[in-house]
Amino acid sequence: MKKTLFMIGMVTACLTQSFAQLQLPAPSPKAQVTQTIGLTEIVVDYSSPGAKGRTIWGDLVPYDKLWRAGANSATKVTFNKDVTIDGKAVAKGSYSLFIIPSKSDDWTIVLNSNATASTDEYAQDKDVVRVKSKPVAIAPRERMAFQILDFTDQNAWVAMEWEKVRVGFNVMLDTDKQALENIKTTLGGTWRSYNSAARYMMDKKDLDKALAYADQSLALSGEWYNNWTKAQILAEKKSYKEATTYAQKAKELGDKNPDGFFFKDQVEKALVEWKGK
């Protein structure tokens, strides 16, 4: 009986080991880069191969041939809003991304509407955009990676880096239009929303619209923050005397709630500066 139980235990242990999953580092691990620019989110999903001492360009990755810009499954780029690439409108959604390297400085980046396409499944008639791009030299990079660089509210540079090369494409965004549409559709009810709209338009140097939104905010509730916003707008318009009046009001209201008066130093500094103008 003991021998039988021992044998059953050994068999169970062997079966358990045989079904256990061996975990080892992936040769080309999955990776993702995500960045919100303005109101648009850009996501690149890819697998990251290593150089491993190999010659990459013109050897492991041949020149003048379509490359999936990574390893394993297709490299995919996703935009959650419509964008413009190389002057062409690209609808929100996901696209497979390919690169055609070249010996010259004339590489090609391809976005294809089949978001899961491999090089074998690729069909050129499903290309959404083809971008010519000049590669630039970088410090050696062992693993291929995508980065989203040099972005503002209006554009971003989506770049692939590997070995000693960086190549990418520029994505133009319609942030201002989207923001104005959001302002129009969501305003109405709170002083905070009008104040946020005022500050946004002030940053965009549309001071008349900014002032109108600030007045609407103040009409709903006179707070230190919207008084300060109006003061800043007036100062931008060089109306320093009136700006000082609203800054003083902001200080009086803010001093009543010092923990929430997070622009206290700026308000006090402005009061000194503007009185001399």
C-alpha atoms as a PDB file:
ATOM      1  CA  MET A   1       0.000   0.000   0.000  1.00  0.00           C
ATOM      2  CA  LYS A   2       2.810   2.412   0.924  1.00  0.00           C
ATOM      3  CA  LYS A   3       4.591   1.547  -2.322  1.00  0.00           C
ATOM      4  CA  THR A   4       1.409   2.271  -4.292  1.00  0.00           C
ATOM      5  CA  LEU A   5       0.901   5.649  -2.607  1.00  0.00           C
ATOM      6  CA  PHE A   6       4.555   6.494  -3.246  1.00  0.00           C
ATOM      7  CA  MET A   7       4.179   5.697  -6.942  1.00  0.00           C
ATOM      8  CA  ILE A   8       0.985   7.778  -7.196  1.00  0.00           C
ATOM      9  CA  GLY A   9       2.801  10.698  -5.569  1.00  0.00           C
ATOM     10  CA  MET A  10       5.704  10.415  -7.990  1.00  0.00           C
ATOM     11  CA  VAL A  11       3.379  10.311 -11.011  1.00  0.00           C
ATOM     12  CA  THR A  12       1.448  13.324  -9.717  1.00  0.00           C
ATOM     13  CA  ALA A  13       4.667  15.263  -9.203  1.00  0.00           C
ATOM     14  CA  CYS A  14       5.874  14.425 -12.708  1.00  0.00           C
ATOM     15  CA  LEU A  15       2.565  15.452 -14.246  1.00  0.00           C
ATOM     16  CA  THR A  16       2.577  18.720 -12.316  1.00  0.00           C
ATOM     17  CA  GLN A  17       6.075  19.510 -13.529  1.00  0.00           C
ATOM     18  CA  SER A  18       5.260  18.588 -17.124  1.00  0.00           C
ATOM     19  CA  PHE A  19       2.312  20.994 -17.164  1.00  0.00           C
ATOM     20  CA  ALA A  20       4.197  23.830 -15.471  1.00  0.00           C
ATOM     21  CA  GLN A  21       4.957  26.686 -17.864  1.00  0.00           C
ATOM     22  CA  LEU A  22       8.605  27.496 -18.330  1.00  0.00           C
ATOM     23  CA  GLN A  23       9.087  31.265 -18.226  1.00  0.00           C
ATOM     24  CA  LEU A  24      12.065  32.737 -20.037  1.00  0.00           C
ATOM     25  CA  PRO A  25      12.824  36.230 -21.375  1.00  0.00           C
ATOM     26  CA  ALA A  26      11.234  36.834 -24.778  1.00  0.00           C
ATOM     27  CA  PRO A  27      13.735  37.460 -27.589  1.00  0.00           C
ATOM     28  CA  SER A  28      11.598  40.417 -28.713  1.00  0.00           C
ATOM     29  CA  PRO A  29       9.434  41.516 -25.762  1.00  0.00           C
ATOM     30  CA  LYS A  30       6.156  43.303 -26.287  1.00  0.00           C
ATOM     31  CA  ALA A  31       6.222  47.050 -25.794  1.00  0.00           C
ATOM     32  CA  GLN A  32       3.884  50.004 -25.938  1.00  0.00           C
ATOM     33  CA  VAL A  33       4.308  53.761 -25.948  1.00  0.00           C
ATOM     34  CA  THR A  34       1.332  55.998 -25.174  1.00  0.00           C
ATOM     35  CA  GLN A  35       1.163  59.766 -25.226  1.00  0.00           C
ATOM     36  CA  THR A  36      -1.677  62.257 -25.001  1.00  0.00           C
ATOM     37  CA  ILE A  37      -0.998  65.348 -27.096  1.00  0.00           C
ATOM     38  CA  GLY A  38      -3.590  68.075 -26.703  1.00  0.00           C
ATOM     39  CA  LEU A  39      -6.795  66.025 -26.780  1.00  0.00           C
ATOM     40  CA  THR A  40      -5.446  63.188 -28.922  1.00  0.00           C
ATOM     41  CA  GLU A  41      -3.975  59.942 -27.619  1.00  0.00           C
ATOM     42  CA  ILE A  42      -1.364  58.181 -29.752  1.00  0.00           C
ATOM     43  CA  VAL A  43      -0.493  54.554 -28.949  1.00  0.00           C
ATOM     44  CA  VAL A  44       2.164  52.407 -30.631  1.00  0.00           C
ATOM     45  CA  ASP A  45       2.123  48.650 -29.925  1.00  0.00           C
ATOM     46  CA  TYR A  46       5.145  46.677 -31.086  1.00  0.00           C
ATOM     47  CA  SER A  47       7.690  43.988 -30.229  1.00  0.00           C
ATOM     48  CA  SER A  48      11.240  45.089 -29.486  1.00  0.00           C
ATOM     49  CA  PRO A  49      14.054  43.045 -31.099  1.00  0.00           C
ATOM     50  CA  GLY A  50      17.656  43.406 -29.986  1.00  0.00           C
ATOM     51  CA  ALA A  51      20.663  44.155 -32.161  1.00  0.00           C
ATOM     52  CA  LYS A  52      22.789  41.426 -30.498  1.00  0.00           C
ATOM     53  CA  GLY A  53      25.905  42.454 -32.357  1.00  0.00           C
ATOM     54  CA  ARG A  54      24.293  41.952 -35.758  1.00  0.00           C
ATOM     55  CA  THR A  55      24.397  44.294 -38.723  1.00  0.00           C
ATOM     56  CA  ILE A  56      20.871  45.688 -38.823  1.00  0.00           C
ATOM     57  CA  TRP A  57      20.391  47.970 -41.805  1.00  0.00           C
ATOM     58  CA  GLY A  58      20.965  46.345 -45.168  1.00  0.00           C
ATOM     59  CA  ASP A  59      21.424  42.901 -43.586  1.00  0.00           C
ATOM     60  CA  LEU A  60      19.004  41.769 -40.873  1.00  0.00           C
ATOM     61  CA  VAL A  61      16.609  44.410 -42.221  1.00  0.00           C
ATOM     62  CA  PRO A  62      17.197  44.563 -46.005  1.00  0.00           C
ATOM     63  CA  TYR A  63      17.186  47.841 -47.870  1.00  0.00           C
ATOM     64  CA  ASP A  64      14.313  48.666 -50.211  1.00  0.00           C
ATOM     65  CA  LYS A  65      12.032  45.987 -48.762  1.00  0.00           C
ATOM     66  CA  LEU A  66       8.947  46.272 -46.583  1.00  0.00           C
ATOM     67  CA  TRP A  67       9.719  45.746 -42.890  1.00  0.00           C
ATOM     68  CA  ARG A  68       7.137  45.420 -40.113  1.00  0.00           C
ATOM     69  CA  ALA A  69       9.060  47.861 -37.888  1.00  0.00           C
ATOM     70  CA  GLY A  70       9.509  45.353 -35.111  1.00  0.00           C
ATOM     71  CA  ALA A  71       9.188  41.620 -34.529  1.00  0.00           C
ATOM     72  CA  ASN A  72       6.497  38.989 -34.035  1.00  0.00           C
ATOM     73  CA  SER A  73       3.046  40.468 -34.805  1.00  0.00           C
ATOM     74  CA  ALA A  74       2.381  43.659 -36.739  1.00  0.00           C
ATOM     75  CA  THR A  75       3.420  46.995 -35.302  1.00  0.00           C
ATOM     76  CA  LYS A  76       0.227  48.976 -34.692  1.00  0.00           C
ATOM     77  CA  VAL A  77      -0.351  52.695 -34.241  1.00  0.00           C
ATOM     78  CA  THR A  78      -3.681  53.974 -32.897  1.00  0.00           C
ATOM     79  CA  PHE A  79      -5.137  57.485 -32.880  1.00  0.00           C
ATOM     80  CA  ASN A  80      -8.249  58.166 -30.821  1.00  0.00           C
ATOM     81  CA  LYS A  81      -9.063  61.247 -32.916  1.00  0.00           C
ATOM     82  CA  ASP A  82      -8.665  62.238 -36.559  1.00  0.00           C
ATOM     83  CA  VAL A  83      -5.156  63.456 -37.414  1.00  0.00           C
ATOM     84  CA  THR A  84      -3.214  64.709 -40.422  1.00  0.00           C
ATOM     85  CA  ILE A  85      -0.014  63.059 -41.642  1.00  0.00           C
ATOM     86  CA  ASP A  86       2.048  64.469 -44.502  1.00  0.00           C
ATOM     87  CA  GLY A  87      -0.896  66.658 -45.488  1.00  0.00           C
ATOM     88  CA  LYS A  88      -3.319  63.718 -45.667  1.00  0.00           C
ATOM     89  CA  ALA A  89      -6.305  63.235 -43.384  1.00  0.00           C
ATOM     90  CA  VAL A  90      -6.098  60.030 -41.341  1.00  0.00           C
ATOM     91  CA  ALA A  91      -9.273  58.953 -39.559  1.00  0.00           C
ATOM     92  CA  LYS A  92      -9.155  57.899 -35.924  1.00  0.00           C
ATOM     93  CA  GLY A  93      -8.469  54.184 -35.553  1.00  0.00           C
ATOM     94  CA  SER A  94      -5.666  51.624 -35.693  1.00  0.00           C
ATOM     95  CA  TYR A  95      -3.185  51.047 -38.516  1.00  0.00           C
ATOM     96  CA  SER A  96      -0.284  48.705 -39.150  1.00  0.00           C
ATOM     97  CA  LEU A  97       3.019  50.520 -39.489  1.00  0.00           C
ATOM     98  CA  PHE A  98       5.773  49.489 -41.911  1.00  0.00           C
ATOM     99  CA  ILE A  99       9.127  50.976 -42.815  1.00  0.00           C
ATOM    100  CA  ILE A 100      11.059  50.641 -46.070  1.00  0.00           C
ATOM    101  CA  PRO A 101      14.710  51.461 -45.276  1.00  0.00           C
ATOM    102  CA  SER A 102      17.058  52.678 -47.973  1.00  0.00           C
ATOM    103  CA  LYS A 103      20.779  53.228 -48.487  1.00  0.00           C
ATOM    104  CA  SER A 104      19.880  56.792 -49.349  1.00  0.00           C
ATOM    105  CA  ASP A 105      18.330  59.381 -47.025  1.00  0.00           C
ATOM    106  CA  ASP A 106      14.928  58.611 -48.474  1.00  0.00           C
ATOM    107  CA  TRP A 107      13.215  56.069 -46.214  1.00  0.00           C
ATOM    108  CA  THR A 108       9.479  55.371 -46.447  1.00  0.00           C
ATOM    109  CA  ILE A 109       7.031  54.958 -43.577  1.00  0.00           C
ATOM    110  CA  VAL A 110       3.722  53.296 -44.392  1.00  0.00           C
ATOM    111  CA  LEU A 111       0.422  53.253 -42.509  1.00  0.00           C
ATOM    112  CA  ASN A 112      -1.936  50.535 -43.712  1.00  0.00           C
ATOM    113  CA  SER A 113      -5.616  50.176 -42.861  1.00  0.00           C
ATOM    114  CA  ASN A 114      -5.200  46.457 -42.078  1.00  0.00           C
ATOM    115  CA  ALA A 115      -4.061  46.923 -38.485  1.00  0.00           C
ATOM    116  CA  THR A 116      -2.954  43.286 -38.075  1.00  0.00           C
ATOM    117  CA  ALA A 117      -1.223  42.860 -41.438  1.00  0.00           C
ATOM    118  CA  SER A 118       2.068  40.990 -41.574  1.00  0.00           C
ATOM    119  CA  THR A 119       4.456  41.577 -44.472  1.00  0.00           C
ATOM    120  CA  ASP A 120       2.922  38.541 -46.188  1.00  0.00           C
ATOM    121  CA  GLU A 121      -0.616  39.877 -45.709  1.00  0.00           C
ATOM    122  CA  TYR A 122       0.259  43.439 -46.663  1.00  0.00           C
ATOM    123  CA  ALA A 123      -1.699  44.920 -49.572  1.00  0.00           C
ATOM    124  CA  GLN A 124      -0.534  48.255 -50.937  1.00  0.00           C
ATOM    125  CA  ASP A 125      -4.035  49.254 -51.992  1.00  0.00           C
ATOM    126  CA  LYS A 126      -4.892  49.480 -48.286  1.00  0.00           C
ATOM    127  CA  ASP A 127      -2.203  52.074 -47.602  1.00  0.00           C
ATOM    128  CA  VAL A 128      -3.605  55.149 -45.919  1.00  0.00           C
ATOM    129  CA  VAL A 129      -0.468  57.234 -46.174  1.00  0.00           C
ATOM    130  CA  ARG A 130       3.163  56.887 -47.250  1.00  0.00           C
ATOM    131  CA  VAL A 131       5.661  59.315 -45.769  1.00  0.00           C
ATOM    132  CA  LYS A 132       9.181  59.991 -46.984  1.00  0.00           C
ATOM    133  CA  SER A 133      11.504  60.453 -44.023  1.00  0.00           C
ATOM    134  CA  LYS A 134      15.184  61.198 -43.606  1.00  0.00           C
ATOM    135  CA  PRO A 135      16.926  59.042 -40.959  1.00  0.00           C
ATOM    136  CA  VAL A 136      19.204  60.723 -38.449  1.00  0.00           C
ATOM    137  CA  ALA A 137      22.145  59.320 -36.510  1.00  0.00           C
ATOM    138  CA  ILE A 138      21.724  58.622 -32.784  1.00  0.00           C
ATOM    139  CA  ALA A 139      23.771  57.040 -30.016  1.00  0.00           C
ATOM    140  CA  PRO A 140      23.770  53.219 -30.236  1.00  0.00           C
ATOM    141  CA  ARG A 141      20.504  51.642 -29.128  1.00  0.00           C
ATOM    142  CA  GLU A 142      20.478  47.899 -28.445  1.00  0.00           C
ATOM    143  CA  ARG A 143      16.727  47.354 -28.595  1.00  0.00           C
ATOM    144  CA  MET A 144      14.392  48.821 -31.141  1.00  0.00           C
ATOM    145  CA  ALA A 145      11.943  51.264 -29.587  1.00  0.00           C
ATOM    146  CA  PHE A 146       9.314  53.781 -30.578  1.00  0.00           C
ATOM    147  CA  GLN A 147       9.158  57.197 -28.993  1.00  0.00           C
ATOM    148  CA  ILE A 148       6.846  60.190 -29.284  1.00  0.00           C
ATOM    149  CA  LEU A 149       9.060  63.245 -29.321  1.00  0.00           C
ATOM    150  CA  ASP A 150       9.009  67.043 -29.554  1.00  0.00           C
ATOM    151  CA  PHE A 151       5.253  67.271 -29.109  1.00  0.00           C
ATOM    152  CA  THR A 152       3.149  70.356 -28.561  1.00  0.00           C
ATOM    153  CA  ASP A 153      -0.622  70.693 -28.378  1.00  0.00           C
ATOM    154  CA  GLN A 154      -0.672  70.770 -32.174  1.00  0.00           C
ATOM    155  CA  ASN A 155       1.773  68.128 -33.391  1.00  0.00           C
ATOM    156  CA  ALA A 156       4.022  65.215 -32.427  1.00  0.00           C
ATOM    157  CA  TRP A 157       6.932  63.296 -33.913  1.00  0.00           C
ATOM    158  CA  VAL A 158       6.482  59.497 -33.850  1.00  0.00           C
ATOM    159  CA  ALA A 159       9.947  57.968 -34.131  1.00  0.00           C
ATOM    160  CA  MET A 160      11.494  54.512 -34.402  1.00  0.00           C
ATOM    161  CA  GLU A 161      15.002  54.114 -32.968  1.00  0.00           C
ATOM    162  CA  TRP A 162      17.329  51.154 -33.424  1.00  0.00           C
ATOM    163  CA  GLU A 163      21.051  50.559 -33.718  1.00  0.00           C
ATOM    164  CA  LYS A 164      22.307  54.058 -34.653  1.00  0.00           C
ATOM    165  CA  VAL A 165      19.266  55.292 -36.566  1.00  0.00           C
ATOM    166  CA  ARG A 166      16.154  57.310 -35.782  1.00  0.00           C
ATOM    167  CA  VAL A 167      13.423  57.766 -38.374  1.00  0.00           C
ATOM    168  CA  GLY A 168       9.883  59.009 -37.941  1.00  0.00           C
ATOM    169  CA  PHE A 169       6.915  61.020 -39.105  1.00  0.00           C
ATOM    170  CA  ASN A 170       5.062  64.101 -37.959  1.00  0.00           C
ATOM    171  CA  VAL A 171       1.443  63.936 -36.808  1.00  0.00           C
ATOM    172  CA  MET A 172      -0.593  67.129 -36.989  1.00  0.00           C
ATOM    173  CA  LEU A 173      -3.488  67.496 -34.569  1.00  0.00           C
ATOM    174  CA  ASP A 174      -6.606  69.643 -34.578  1.00  0.00           C
ATOM    175  CA  THR A 175      -6.455  70.498 -30.903  1.00  0.00           C
ATOM    176  CA  ASP A 176      -7.645  74.106 -31.116  1.00  0.00           C
ATOM    177  CA  LYS A 177     -10.736  73.174 -33.113  1.00  0.00           C
ATOM    178  CA  GLN A 178     -11.514  70.279 -30.789  1.00  0.00           C
ATOM    179  CA  ALA A 179     -11.074  72.464 -27.725  1.00  0.00           C
ATOM    180  CA  LEU A 180     -13.390  75.152 -29.115  1.00  0.00           C
ATOM    181  CA  GLU A 181     -16.016  72.528 -29.923  1.00  0.00           C
ATOM    182  CA  ASN A 182     -15.742  71.196 -26.373  1.00  0.00           C
ATOM    183  CA  ILE A 183     -16.112  74.700 -24.989  1.00  0.00           C
ATOM    184  CA  LYS A 184     -19.273  75.265 -27.035  1.00  0.00           C
ATOM    185  CA  THR A 185     -20.855  71.934 -26.122  1.00  0.00           C
ATOM    186  CA  THR A 186     -19.964  71.773 -22.425  1.00  0.00           C
ATOM    187  CA  LEU A 187     -20.225  75.361 -21.206  1.00  0.00           C
ATOM    188  CA  GLY A 188     -23.244  76.518 -19.282  1.00  0.00           C
ATOM    189  CA  GLY A 189     -23.738  76.080 -15.587  1.00  0.00           C
ATOM    190  CA  THR A 190     -20.526  76.461 -13.604  1.00  0.00           C
ATOM    191  CA  TRP A 191     -18.130  79.334 -13.083  1.00  0.00           C
ATOM    192  CA  ARG A 192     -15.238  76.862 -13.270  1.00  0.00           C
ATOM    193  CA  SER A 193     -16.011  75.757 -16.833  1.00  0.00           C
ATOM    194  CA  TYR A 194     -16.211  79.362 -18.071  1.00  0.00           C
ATOM    195  CA  ASN A 195     -13.034  80.186 -16.173  1.00  0.00           C
ATOM    196  CA  SER A 196     -11.218  77.239 -17.779  1.00  0.00           C
ATOM    197  CA  ALA A 197     -12.423  78.410 -21.192  1.00  0.00           C
ATOM    198  CA  ALA A 198     -11.203  81.929 -20.418  1.00  0.00           C
ATOM    199  CA  ARG A 199      -7.767  80.703 -19.444  1.00  0.00           C
ATOM    200  CA  TYR A 200      -7.507  78.530 -22.547  1.00  0.00           C
ATOM    201  CA  MET A 201      -8.396  81.421 -24.838  1.00  0.00           C
ATOM    202  CA  MET A 202      -5.952  83.652 -22.953  1.00  0.00           C
ATOM    203  CA  ASP A 203      -3.184  81.128 -23.637  1.00  0.00           C
ATOM    204  CA  LYS A 204      -4.183  81.227 -27.304  1.00  0.00           C
ATOM    205  CA  LYS A 205      -3.979  85.055 -27.238  1.00  0.00           C
ATOM    206  CA  ASP A 206      -7.643  85.447 -28.187  1.00  0.00           C
ATOM    207  CA  LEU A 207      -8.119  88.013 -25.445  1.00  0.00           C
ATOM    208  CA  ASP A 208     -11.584  89.256 -26.406  1.00  0.00           C
ATOM    209  CA  LYS A 209     -13.064  85.752 -26.188  1.00  0.00           C
ATOM    210  CA  ALA A 210     -11.102  85.134 -23.021  1.00  0.00           C
ATOM    211  CA  LEU A 211     -12.529  88.275 -21.428  1.00  0.00           C
ATOM    212  CA  ALA A 212     -16.071  87.323 -22.447  1.00  0.00           C
ATOM    213  CA  TYR A 213     -15.723  83.900 -20.824  1.00  0.00           C
ATOM    214  CA  ALA A 214     -14.193  85.445 -17.695  1.00  0.00           C
ATOM    215  CA  ASP A 215     -17.169  87.803 -17.389  1.00  0.00           C
ATOM    216  CA  GLN A 216     -19.582  84.872 -17.759  1.00  0.00           C
ATOM    217  CA  SER A 217     -17.715  83.037 -15.018  1.00  0.00           C
ATOM    218  CA  LEU A 218     -17.844  86.027 -12.695  1.00  0.00           C
ATOM    219  CA  ALA A 219     -21.545  86.494 -13.400  1.00  0.00           C
ATOM    220  CA  LEU A 220     -22.148  83.014 -11.989  1.00  0.00           C
ATOM    221  CA  SER A 221     -19.881  83.361  -8.952  1.00  0.00           C
ATOM    222  CA  GLY A 222     -17.191  85.806  -7.863  1.00  0.00           C
ATOM    223  CA  GLU A 223     -14.234  83.695  -6.745  1.00  0.00           C
ATOM    224  CA  TRP A 224     -10.579  84.564  -6.252  1.00  0.00           C
ATOM    225  CA  TYR A 225      -9.612  82.391  -9.221  1.00  0.00           C
ATOM    226  CA  ASN A 226     -11.874  83.931 -11.865  1.00  0.00           C
ATOM    227  CA  ASN A 227     -11.067  87.418 -10.566  1.00  0.00           C
ATOM    228  CA  TRP A 228      -7.396  86.563 -11.025  1.00  0.00           C
ATOM    229  CA  THR A 229      -8.096  85.204 -14.507  1.00  0.00           C
ATOM    230  CA  LYS A 230      -9.790  88.438 -15.533  1.00  0.00           C
ATOM    231  CA  ALA A 231      -6.933  90.420 -14.010  1.00  0.00           C
ATOM    232  CA  GLN A 232      -4.420  88.499 -16.112  1.00  0.00           C
ATOM    233  CA  ILE A 233      -6.437  88.984 -19.292  1.00  0.00           C
ATOM    234  CA  LEU A 234      -6.710  92.716 -18.665  1.00  0.00           C
ATOM    235  CA  ALA A 235      -2.973  92.907 -18.035  1.00  0.00           C
ATOM    236  CA  GLU A 236      -2.387  91.144 -21.359  1.00  0.00           C
ATOM    237  CA  LYS A 237      -4.515  93.879 -22.926  1.00  0.00           C
ATOM    238  CA  LYS A 238      -2.322  96.493 -21.171  1.00  0.00           C
ATOM    239  CA  SER A 239      -5.249  97.651 -19.025  1.00  0.00           C
ATOM    240  CA  TYR A 240      -3.163  97.597 -15.875  1.00  0.00           C
ATOM    241  CA  LYS A 241      -5.332  99.882 -13.741  1.00  0.00           C
ATOM    242  CA  GLU A 242      -8.399  97.681 -14.212  1.00  0.00           C
ATOM    243  CA  ALA A 243      -6.245  94.556 -13.915  1.00  0.00           C
ATOM    244  CA  THR A 244      -5.031  95.782 -10.509  1.00  0.00           C
ATOM    245  CA  THR A 245      -8.623  96.165  -9.317  1.00  0.00           C
ATOM    246  CA  TYR A 246      -9.431  92.521 -10.115  1.00  0.00           C
ATOM    247  CA  ALA A 247      -6.109  91.276  -8.742  1.00  0.00           C
ATOM    248  CA  GLN A 248      -6.856  93.097  -5.460  1.00  0.00           C
ATOM    249  CA  LYS A 249     -10.265  91.451  -5.336  1.00  0.00           C
ATOM    250  CA  ALA A 250      -8.625  88.059  -5.991  1.00  0.00           C
ATOM    251  CA  LYS A 251      -6.242  88.674  -3.086  1.00  0.00           C
ATOM    252  CA  GLU A 252      -9.032  89.662  -0.696  1.00  0.00           C
ATOM    253  CA  LEU A 253     -11.030  86.532  -1.547  1.00  0.00           C
ATOM    254  CA  GLY A 254      -7.990  84.293  -1.564  1.00  0.00           C
ATOM    255  CA  ASP A 255      -6.764  85.458   1.817  1.00  0.00           C
ATOM    256  CA  LYS A 256     -10.040  84.228   3.317  1.00  0.00           C
ATOM    257  CA  ASN A 257      -9.127  80.690   2.251  1.00  0.00           C
ATOM    258  CA  PRO A 258      -5.296  80.617   2.277  1.00  0.00           C
ATOM    259  CA  ASP A 259      -5.026  76.833   1.843  1.00  0.00           C
ATOM    260  CA  GLY A 260      -6.736  77.056  -1.540  1.00  0.00           C
ATOM    261  CA  PHE A 261      -5.073  80.283  -2.652  1.00  0.00           C
ATOM    262  CA  PHE A 262      -2.465  78.559  -4.795  1.00  0.00           C
ATOM    263  CA  PHE A 263      -1.590  81.630  -6.895  1.00  0.00           C
ATOM    264  CA  LYS A 264      -1.056  83.878  -3.854  1.00  0.00           C
ATOM    265  CA  ASP A 265       2.575  84.716  -4.687  1.00  0.00           C
ATOM    266  CA  GLN A 266       1.771  85.519  -8.326  1.00  0.00           C
ATOM    267  CA  VAL A 267      -1.157  87.748  -7.352  1.00  0.00           C
ATOM    268  CA  GLU A 268       0.890  89.698  -4.821  1.00  0.00           C
ATOM    269  CA  LYS A 269       3.759  90.097  -7.265  1.00  0.00           C
ATOM    270  CA  ALA A 270       1.385  91.353  -9.960  1.00  0.00           C
ATOM    271  CA  LEU A 271      -0.150  93.904  -7.603  1.00  0.00           C
ATOM    272  CA  VAL A 272       3.292  95.439  -7.055  1.00  0.00           C
ATOM    273  CA  GLU A 273       4.269  95.376 -10.728  1.00  0.00           C
ATOM    274  CA  TRP A 274       0.993  96.611 -12.203  1.00  0.00           C
ATOM    275  CA  LYS A 275       0.610  99.572  -9.849  1.00  0.00           C
ATOM    276  CA  GLY A 276       3.762 101.006 -11.367  1.00  0.00           C
ATOM    277  CA  LYS A 277       2.454 100.849 -14.925  1.00  0.00           C
END
